[in-house]
Amino acid sequence: MPPIITFNSEIDWIAKVVVPPHTSIEKGQYVLLHQIQEITDVQPPVLDSKPVPFVYLYREGLAYHIVFDFAPNEADMQEGWKFGKAIAESLQQVLIERTVRVQDSLKALLRAHGLWAAPALLPYPLSRIAKQLEEGDTEGAHLTLREYCTPEFLAETTSKWWSIEQFAVRRQLIEDALGAHREGKYRLSIPALLPHLEGIITDWIFTQLPEDNVPWGTESKTKRFRDLVLDKPPTVSTYERIVSSVIDFIVDGPVLQTFRRWLDQIERAFPNRHVVEHGRYDDSLFDQENSIKLFLLLDTVYYILSNRAPNASLHVP
């Protein structure tokens, strides 16, 4: 039998996937990006229902990986294939990259609703939220975010942060803010966390530059942060896109939006730094969704700094 060579989208895998709540997929149905939450496993390649030798080469960031099996047997199909998890993880990264590309094309729409390419939402539920917003289902998109980002989800997300020094020194404050969020006290969680977006970024910049070279203004510091974290090749292919997405969101989006007059209309899609920290009170800013988004923004900073750590090999969750 002659060898079979396939490239990119020509490659077929039979995969085990987790689908979002209230989603069903029938046999033979064409599956869309927002209908897949996670790829958890794949089966070995077969021809005429029998496993066949194969070589699978794929790229991840700057690295190439190769998986091969020149002596497959039918037991692999019954007992759990030893390569299934690794290949599933590579396919999951493909879903993440595609979701980030969708975010790029809908950046303005997502920003208007206080969102960016948050790693904790990749590929799902950001893929679904983007689809809902594109179709005009604003209420459904916001509900998807709130239902996914439960207090338990936020607790699991923040539990990873302590490996980064700039987060670890703020651990008690962050856990107090999470406690307030759990109790629905968003008027406490949001003001507690918001100043530390700048604080974490500033503390980290001081580990990279002499004191005289650290900018004073928040916008200038954020841009310097971007330049520093992108000064070496990324460890994952979506890293640069995520950095660009969140920096644009902070600098040009609702986070640092200024109001020149006290009574100017303010953006309510995200808790604005100047509004909250200067004490202009608008009760609509202090809701569950804005508290969730602030945790997600800090998690994005964690993701960026984790990829900067020595020997980092981090995947988007």
Protein backbone atom coordinates (compact mmCIF):
# COMPACT_ATOMS: atom_id res chain seq x y z
CA MET A 1 0.00 0.00 0.00
CA PRO A 2 1.48 3.41 -0.94
CA PRO A 3 2.04 5.93 1.87
CA ILE A 4 -0.65 8.53 2.58
CA ILE A 5 0.59 12.10 3.06
CA THR A 6 -1.74 14.81 4.31
CA PHE A 7 -1.19 18.43 5.37
CA ASN A 8 -2.93 20.84 7.74
CA SER A 9 -6.72 20.63 7.35
CA GLU A 10 -6.40 17.43 5.31
CA ILE A 11 -5.45 15.55 8.49
CA ASP A 12 -8.35 13.76 10.19
CA TRP A 13 -8.45 12.66 13.83
CA ILE A 14 -11.30 10.94 15.63
CA ALA A 15 -11.41 12.95 18.83
CA LYS A 16 -13.19 12.88 22.17
CA VAL A 17 -14.46 16.36 22.99
CA VAL A 18 -16.28 18.15 25.78
CA VAL A 19 -19.20 20.18 24.47
CA PRO A 20 -20.65 23.23 26.23
CA PRO A 21 -23.83 22.94 28.31
CA HIS A 22 -27.05 22.68 26.33
CA THR A 23 -25.10 21.64 23.21
CA SER A 24 -25.57 18.37 21.34
CA ILE A 25 -23.69 17.10 18.32
CA GLU A 26 -25.09 14.42 16.06
CA LYS A 27 -23.06 11.92 14.06
CA GLY A 28 -22.01 13.42 10.73
CA GLN A 29 -22.84 16.96 11.86
CA TYR A 30 -20.48 19.77 10.88
CA VAL A 31 -19.06 21.11 14.15
CA LEU A 32 -18.40 24.82 14.68
CA LEU A 33 -15.67 26.37 16.81
CA HIS A 34 -18.00 27.62 19.54
CA GLN A 35 -19.51 24.12 19.93
CA ILE A 36 -16.29 22.65 21.34
CA GLN A 37 -15.16 23.35 24.88
CA GLU A 38 -12.16 21.03 25.00
CA ILE A 39 -10.50 18.20 23.06
CA THR A 40 -9.53 15.59 25.64
CA ASP A 41 -8.33 12.57 23.65
CA VAL A 42 -7.89 11.16 20.13
CA GLN A 43 -7.95 7.65 18.73
CA PRO A 44 -5.08 6.10 16.75
CA PRO A 45 -5.26 6.46 12.96
CA VAL A 46 -6.90 3.53 11.19
CA LEU A 47 -7.39 2.27 7.67
CA ASP A 48 -10.12 -0.29 6.98
CA SER A 49 -10.79 -0.31 10.73
CA LYS A 50 -7.21 -1.40 11.55
CA PRO A 51 -4.50 0.72 13.20
CA VAL A 52 -1.73 1.72 10.81
CA PRO A 53 1.86 2.98 11.25
CA PHE A 54 2.05 6.77 11.14
CA VAL A 55 4.23 9.84 11.61
CA TYR A 56 2.60 13.07 12.84
CA LEU A 57 4.56 16.34 12.75
CA TYR A 58 3.17 19.56 14.19
CA ARG A 59 4.42 22.99 15.24
CA GLU A 60 3.82 24.63 18.60
CA GLY A 61 5.20 28.13 19.00
CA LEU A 62 8.80 28.02 17.78
CA ALA A 63 9.15 24.28 18.35
CA TYR A 64 8.30 21.30 16.16
CA HIS A 65 7.06 18.03 17.67
CA ILE A 66 6.89 14.60 16.12
CA VAL A 67 4.79 11.62 17.19
CA PHE A 68 5.16 8.25 15.48
CA ASP A 69 4.23 4.61 15.91
CA PHE A 70 5.64 2.10 13.45
CA ALA A 71 4.19 -0.99 15.14
CA PRO A 72 0.59 -0.25 16.18
CA ASN A 73 -1.77 -2.96 17.39
CA GLU A 74 -5.48 -3.26 17.98
CA ALA A 75 -5.01 -3.22 21.75
CA ASP A 76 -4.16 0.47 21.43
CA MET A 77 -7.75 1.07 20.38
CA GLN A 78 -9.19 -0.78 23.37
CA GLU A 79 -6.94 0.18 26.29
CA GLY A 80 -6.35 3.89 25.74
CA TRP A 81 -3.84 5.11 23.22
CA LYS A 82 -0.57 6.33 24.71
CA PHE A 83 -0.29 9.24 22.24
CA GLY A 84 -3.93 10.32 22.46
CA LYS A 85 -3.57 12.95 25.19
CA ALA A 86 -0.50 14.61 23.65
CA ILE A 87 -2.11 14.92 20.22
CA ALA A 88 -5.36 16.14 21.79
CA GLU A 89 -3.39 18.89 23.52
CA SER A 90 -1.87 19.97 20.21
CA LEU A 91 -5.33 20.12 18.64
CA GLN A 92 -6.59 22.13 21.61
CA GLN A 93 -3.88 24.70 20.90
CA VAL A 94 -5.17 24.92 17.31
CA LEU A 95 -8.63 25.76 18.67
CA ILE A 96 -7.13 28.41 20.92
CA GLU A 97 -5.20 29.99 18.05
CA ARG A 98 -8.31 30.08 15.87
CA THR A 99 -10.33 31.67 18.67
CA VAL A 100 -7.68 34.37 19.11
CA ARG A 101 -7.82 35.06 15.37
CA VAL A 102 -11.60 35.43 15.62
CA GLN A 103 -11.03 37.85 18.48
CA ASP A 104 -8.70 39.88 16.26
CA SER A 105 -11.43 40.27 13.65
CA LEU A 106 -14.04 41.23 16.27
CA LYS A 107 -11.75 43.26 18.53
CA ALA A 108 -13.85 46.44 18.48
CA LEU A 109 -17.06 44.53 19.20
CA LEU A 110 -15.53 42.60 22.10
CA ARG A 111 -13.90 45.75 23.50
CA ALA A 112 -17.26 47.52 23.51
CA HIS A 113 -18.43 44.78 25.87
CA GLY A 114 -15.33 44.92 28.07
CA LEU A 115 -13.54 41.88 26.67
CA TRP A 116 -10.22 40.93 25.07
CA ALA A 117 -8.36 37.67 24.35
CA ALA A 118 -8.36 36.52 27.98
CA PRO A 119 -6.40 33.23 28.28
CA ALA A 120 -8.79 31.86 30.90
CA LEU A 121 -11.62 32.08 28.33
CA LEU A 122 -9.76 30.34 25.50
CA PRO A 123 -11.01 28.69 23.42
CA TYR A 124 -14.36 28.45 25.20
CA PRO A 125 -16.34 30.45 26.23
CA LEU A 126 -14.74 33.31 24.26
CA SER A 127 -15.57 31.51 21.01
CA ARG A 128 -19.24 31.36 22.00
CA ILE A 129 -19.33 34.91 23.37
CA ALA A 130 -17.83 36.24 20.12
CA LYS A 131 -20.42 34.30 18.09
CA GLN A 132 -23.29 35.60 20.23
CA LEU A 133 -22.13 39.21 19.98
CA GLU A 134 -21.65 38.90 16.23
CA GLU A 135 -25.24 37.66 15.95
CA GLY A 136 -26.53 40.51 18.13
CA ASP A 137 -27.32 38.30 21.15
CA THR A 138 -25.82 40.71 23.68
CA GLU A 139 -27.77 39.41 26.67
CA GLY A 140 -26.81 35.82 25.83
CA ALA A 141 -23.12 36.73 25.53
CA HIS A 142 -23.03 38.38 28.94
CA LEU A 143 -24.92 35.46 30.48
CA THR A 144 -22.41 33.01 29.01
CA LEU A 145 -19.55 34.91 30.67
CA ARG A 146 -21.25 35.06 34.06
CA GLU A 147 -22.32 31.41 34.07
CA TYR A 148 -18.84 30.20 33.11
CA CYS A 149 -16.88 32.38 35.52
CA THR A 150 -18.30 31.10 38.77
CA PRO A 151 -16.61 31.90 42.10
CA GLU A 152 -15.21 28.36 42.04
CA PHE A 153 -13.73 28.97 38.60
CA LEU A 154 -12.13 32.22 39.79
CA ALA A 155 -10.74 30.49 42.88
CA GLU A 156 -9.11 27.82 40.73
CA THR A 157 -7.79 30.48 38.34
CA THR A 158 -6.23 32.63 41.05
CA SER A 159 -4.69 29.62 42.81
CA LYS A 160 -1.97 29.54 40.11
CA TRP A 161 -0.90 33.14 40.61
CA TRP A 162 1.33 32.67 43.64
CA SER A 163 4.24 31.35 41.56
CA ILE A 164 4.80 34.94 40.38
CA GLU A 165 6.39 37.16 43.02
CA GLN A 166 4.38 40.27 42.16
CA PHE A 167 1.16 38.33 42.78
CA ALA A 168 2.42 36.40 45.80
CA VAL A 169 3.11 39.54 47.83
CA ARG A 170 -0.53 40.56 47.25
CA ARG A 171 -1.97 37.14 48.05
CA GLN A 172 -3.94 38.14 51.14
CA LEU A 173 -5.44 41.17 49.39
CA ILE A 174 -6.42 39.10 46.35
CA GLU A 175 -7.95 36.37 48.49
CA ASP A 176 -9.88 38.99 50.47
CA ALA A 177 -11.18 40.42 47.18
CA LEU A 178 -12.20 36.93 46.06
CA GLY A 179 -14.03 36.46 49.34
CA ALA A 180 -15.89 39.72 48.77
CA HIS A 181 -16.76 38.59 45.24
CA ARG A 182 -18.14 35.30 46.56
CA GLU A 183 -20.43 37.25 48.89
CA GLY A 184 -21.62 39.53 46.09
CA LYS A 185 -19.79 42.54 47.55
CA TYR A 186 -18.49 43.86 44.25
CA ARG A 187 -18.19 47.39 45.67
CA LEU A 188 -15.35 45.92 47.72
CA SER A 189 -13.72 43.48 45.28
CA ILE A 190 -13.39 45.98 42.42
CA PRO A 191 -11.76 48.91 44.28
CA ALA A 192 -9.48 46.45 46.10
CA LEU A 193 -8.12 44.88 42.91
CA LEU A 194 -8.10 47.69 40.36
CA PRO A 195 -5.03 49.64 41.61
CA HIS A 196 -2.96 46.46 41.58
CA LEU A 197 -3.16 46.07 37.84
CA GLU A 198 -0.75 48.99 37.67
CA GLY A 199 1.02 47.87 40.84
CA ILE A 200 1.88 44.39 39.57
CA ILE A 201 3.04 45.72 36.21
CA THR A 202 5.14 48.42 37.90
CA ASP A 203 6.74 46.03 40.39
CA TRP A 204 7.72 43.70 37.57
CA ILE A 205 9.17 46.52 35.44
CA PHE A 206 11.41 47.47 38.38
CA THR A 207 12.91 43.96 38.21
CA GLN A 208 13.85 44.59 34.57
CA LEU A 209 14.99 48.24 34.43
CA PRO A 210 16.96 50.72 36.53
CA GLU A 211 14.72 52.98 38.58
CA ASP A 212 15.47 56.04 36.44
CA ASN A 213 14.22 54.20 33.33
CA VAL A 214 10.81 53.28 34.74
CA PRO A 215 8.08 55.57 33.34
CA TRP A 216 5.80 57.40 35.76
CA GLY A 217 2.50 57.55 33.86
CA THR A 218 0.20 54.53 33.81
CA GLU A 219 -0.13 54.49 30.02
CA SER A 220 3.63 54.81 29.51
CA LYS A 221 4.29 52.00 31.99
CA THR A 222 1.80 49.74 30.25
CA LYS A 223 3.45 50.31 26.88
CA ARG A 224 6.90 49.72 28.37
CA PHE A 225 5.57 46.50 29.89
CA ARG A 226 4.47 45.40 26.41
CA ASP A 227 7.89 46.15 24.93
CA LEU A 228 9.69 44.25 27.68
CA VAL A 229 7.56 41.11 27.56
CA LEU A 230 7.86 40.94 23.76
CA ASP A 231 11.64 41.38 23.64
CA LYS A 232 12.27 37.67 23.14
CA PRO A 233 10.54 34.98 21.03
CA PRO A 234 7.34 33.68 22.65
CA THR A 235 7.03 30.14 23.97
CA VAL A 236 3.53 29.69 22.52
CA SER A 237 2.24 30.82 19.16
CA THR A 238 -0.65 32.91 20.50
CA TYR A 239 1.41 34.77 23.10
CA GLU A 240 2.11 37.91 21.05
CA ARG A 241 -1.52 38.18 19.96
CA ILE A 242 -2.73 37.92 23.56
CA VAL A 243 -0.21 40.55 24.71
CA SER A 244 -1.27 42.94 21.94
CA SER A 245 -4.94 42.32 22.67
CA VAL A 246 -4.73 43.11 26.38
CA ILE A 247 -2.38 46.09 26.02
CA ASP A 248 -4.70 47.62 23.42
CA PHE A 249 -7.62 46.95 25.75
CA ILE A 250 -5.90 48.72 28.65
CA VAL A 251 -4.40 51.68 26.78
CA ASP A 252 -7.02 52.36 24.10
CA GLY A 253 -10.00 50.70 25.72
CA PRO A 254 -12.12 51.28 28.81
CA VAL A 255 -9.45 50.63 31.47
CA LEU A 256 -7.59 53.96 31.09
CA GLN A 257 -10.29 55.96 29.34
CA THR A 258 -10.12 59.52 30.66
CA PHE A 259 -12.91 61.91 31.57
CA ARG A 260 -11.93 65.58 31.33
CA ARG A 261 -15.02 66.88 33.11
CA TRP A 262 -16.45 65.34 36.26
CA LEU A 263 -19.89 64.80 34.75
CA ASP A 264 -18.72 63.34 31.43
CA GLN A 265 -20.38 60.05 30.46
CA ILE A 266 -18.24 57.08 31.43
CA GLU A 267 -17.72 53.61 29.98
CA ARG A 268 -19.55 50.95 32.02
CA ALA A 269 -18.30 47.81 30.25
CA PHE A 270 -15.26 47.65 32.53
CA PRO A 271 -14.31 49.35 35.83
CA ASN A 272 -12.38 52.42 34.68
CA ARG A 273 -9.19 53.16 36.60
CA HIS A 274 -9.59 56.94 36.71
CA VAL A 275 -13.26 56.85 37.64
CA VAL A 276 -12.90 54.33 40.47
CA GLU A 277 -9.63 55.59 41.93
CA HIS A 278 -10.58 59.27 41.78
CA GLY A 279 -13.76 58.47 43.65
CA ARG A 280 -16.40 59.28 41.08
CA TYR A 281 -19.20 56.95 42.11
CA ASP A 282 -21.39 55.17 39.59
CA ASP A 283 -23.10 52.18 41.14
CA SER A 284 -23.53 50.45 37.79
CA LEU A 285 -19.75 49.87 37.61
CA PHE A 286 -19.76 47.67 40.70
CA ASP A 287 -21.52 44.57 39.46
CA GLN A 288 -20.73 40.87 39.21
CA GLU A 289 -19.60 40.97 35.60
CA ASN A 290 -17.13 43.82 36.09
CA SER A 291 -15.67 42.05 39.11
CA ILE A 292 -15.23 38.90 36.99
CA LYS A 293 -13.55 40.88 34.22
CA LEU A 294 -11.07 42.41 36.65
CA PHE A 295 -10.01 38.95 37.86
CA LEU A 296 -9.66 37.91 34.21
CA LEU A 297 -7.50 40.95 33.45
CA LEU A 298 -5.14 40.18 36.31
CA ASP A 299 -5.04 36.56 35.15
CA THR A 300 -3.96 37.75 31.71
CA VAL A 301 -1.07 39.63 33.31
CA TYR A 302 -0.21 36.44 35.21
CA TYR A 303 -0.22 34.49 31.93
CA ILE A 304 2.13 37.02 30.33
CA LEU A 305 4.59 36.98 33.23
CA SER A 306 4.47 33.19 33.48
CA ASN A 307 5.60 32.95 29.88
CA ARG A 308 8.50 35.23 30.78
CA ALA A 309 9.68 32.96 33.58
CA PRO A 310 12.93 30.99 33.02
CA ASN A 311 12.35 27.79 31.04
CA ALA A 312 8.68 28.66 30.68
CA SER A 313 6.62 26.20 28.68
CA LEU A 314 3.12 27.41 29.43
CA HIS A 315 -0.01 26.57 27.51
CA VAL A 316 -3.14 28.63 27.53
CA PRO A 317 -5.60 26.97 29.93
